[in-house]
Amino acid sequence: MHSASLISSVPLALDGESVTGNNTGIAIIAVVSMACGYVLLFALWYFVFREKARSKRKGDSPD
């Protein structure tokens, strides 16, 4: 993705609010919430859907 397209997509992602004022807070909240979502998805995969986690729940040996 080119930096020009990334810069032009920010006002669209914030529904044009970044054009009318300084809404850095909205951008920070958006980035933090996306990062937390990815961490949550990774934790869900790691502790629930990973093969080792499944075998622990079933009582199988780790090998």
Protein backbone atom coordinates (compact mmCIF):
# COMPACT_ATOMS: atom_id res chain seq x y z
CA MET A 1 0.00 0.00 0.00
CA HIS A 2 1.44 3.35 -0.97
CA SER A 3 1.78 6.06 1.65
CA ALA A 4 -0.35 8.45 -0.42
CA SER A 5 -3.29 6.07 -0.43
CA LEU A 6 -2.84 5.45 3.28
CA ILE A 7 -2.86 9.17 4.05
CA SER A 8 -5.91 9.74 1.87
CA SER A 9 -7.81 6.88 3.54
CA VAL A 10 -7.46 8.32 7.05
CA PRO A 11 -10.08 11.08 6.54
CA LEU A 12 -12.45 8.50 5.04
CA ALA A 13 -11.86 6.09 7.91
CA LEU A 14 -12.68 8.81 10.41
CA ASP A 15 -15.79 9.80 8.45
CA GLY A 16 -14.28 13.12 7.40
CA GLU A 17 -13.97 14.37 10.96
CA SER A 18 -10.20 14.72 10.71
CA VAL A 19 -10.63 17.30 7.95
CA THR A 20 -12.74 19.65 10.08
CA GLY A 21 -10.61 19.61 13.22
CA ASN A 22 -7.83 18.06 15.21
CA ASN A 23 -9.24 14.70 16.20
CA THR A 24 -6.06 12.90 17.07
CA GLY A 25 -7.88 11.27 19.97
CA ILE A 26 -10.24 9.46 17.63
CA ALA A 27 -7.33 8.10 15.63
CA ILE A 28 -5.53 6.95 18.78
CA ILE A 29 -8.66 5.23 20.08
CA ALA A 30 -9.15 3.51 16.71
CA VAL A 31 -5.57 2.23 16.59
CA VAL A 32 -5.65 1.04 20.19
CA SER A 33 -8.97 -0.75 19.71
CA MET A 34 -7.72 -2.48 16.54
CA ALA A 35 -4.53 -3.57 18.31
CA CYS A 36 -6.54 -4.90 21.26
CA GLY A 37 -8.77 -6.79 18.85
CA TYR A 38 -5.79 -8.49 17.23
CA VAL A 39 -4.33 -9.37 20.63
CA LEU A 40 -7.69 -10.81 21.67
CA LEU A 41 -7.91 -12.91 18.50
CA PHE A 42 -4.38 -14.20 19.00
CA ALA A 43 -5.08 -15.08 22.64
CA LEU A 44 -8.28 -16.87 21.64
CA TRP A 45 -6.40 -18.92 19.06
CA TYR A 46 -3.48 -19.64 21.38
CA PHE A 47 -5.49 -20.74 24.41
CA VAL A 48 -8.55 -22.31 22.76
CA PHE A 49 -8.07 -23.39 19.16
CA ARG A 50 -4.41 -24.46 19.12
CA GLU A 51 -3.85 -28.23 18.81
CA LYS A 52 -1.91 -28.36 22.09
CA ALA A 53 -4.77 -26.63 23.93
CA ARG A 54 -7.27 -29.03 22.42
CA SER A 55 -5.24 -32.06 23.51
CA LYS A 56 -4.98 -30.68 27.07
CA ARG A 57 -8.76 -30.35 27.24
CA LYS A 58 -9.19 -33.91 25.97
CA GLY A 59 -6.66 -35.28 28.45
CA ASP A 60 -4.25 -36.62 25.83
CA SER A 61 -0.51 -36.68 26.32
CA PRO A 62 1.33 -33.59 25.02
CA ASP A 63 3.27 -35.66 22.46
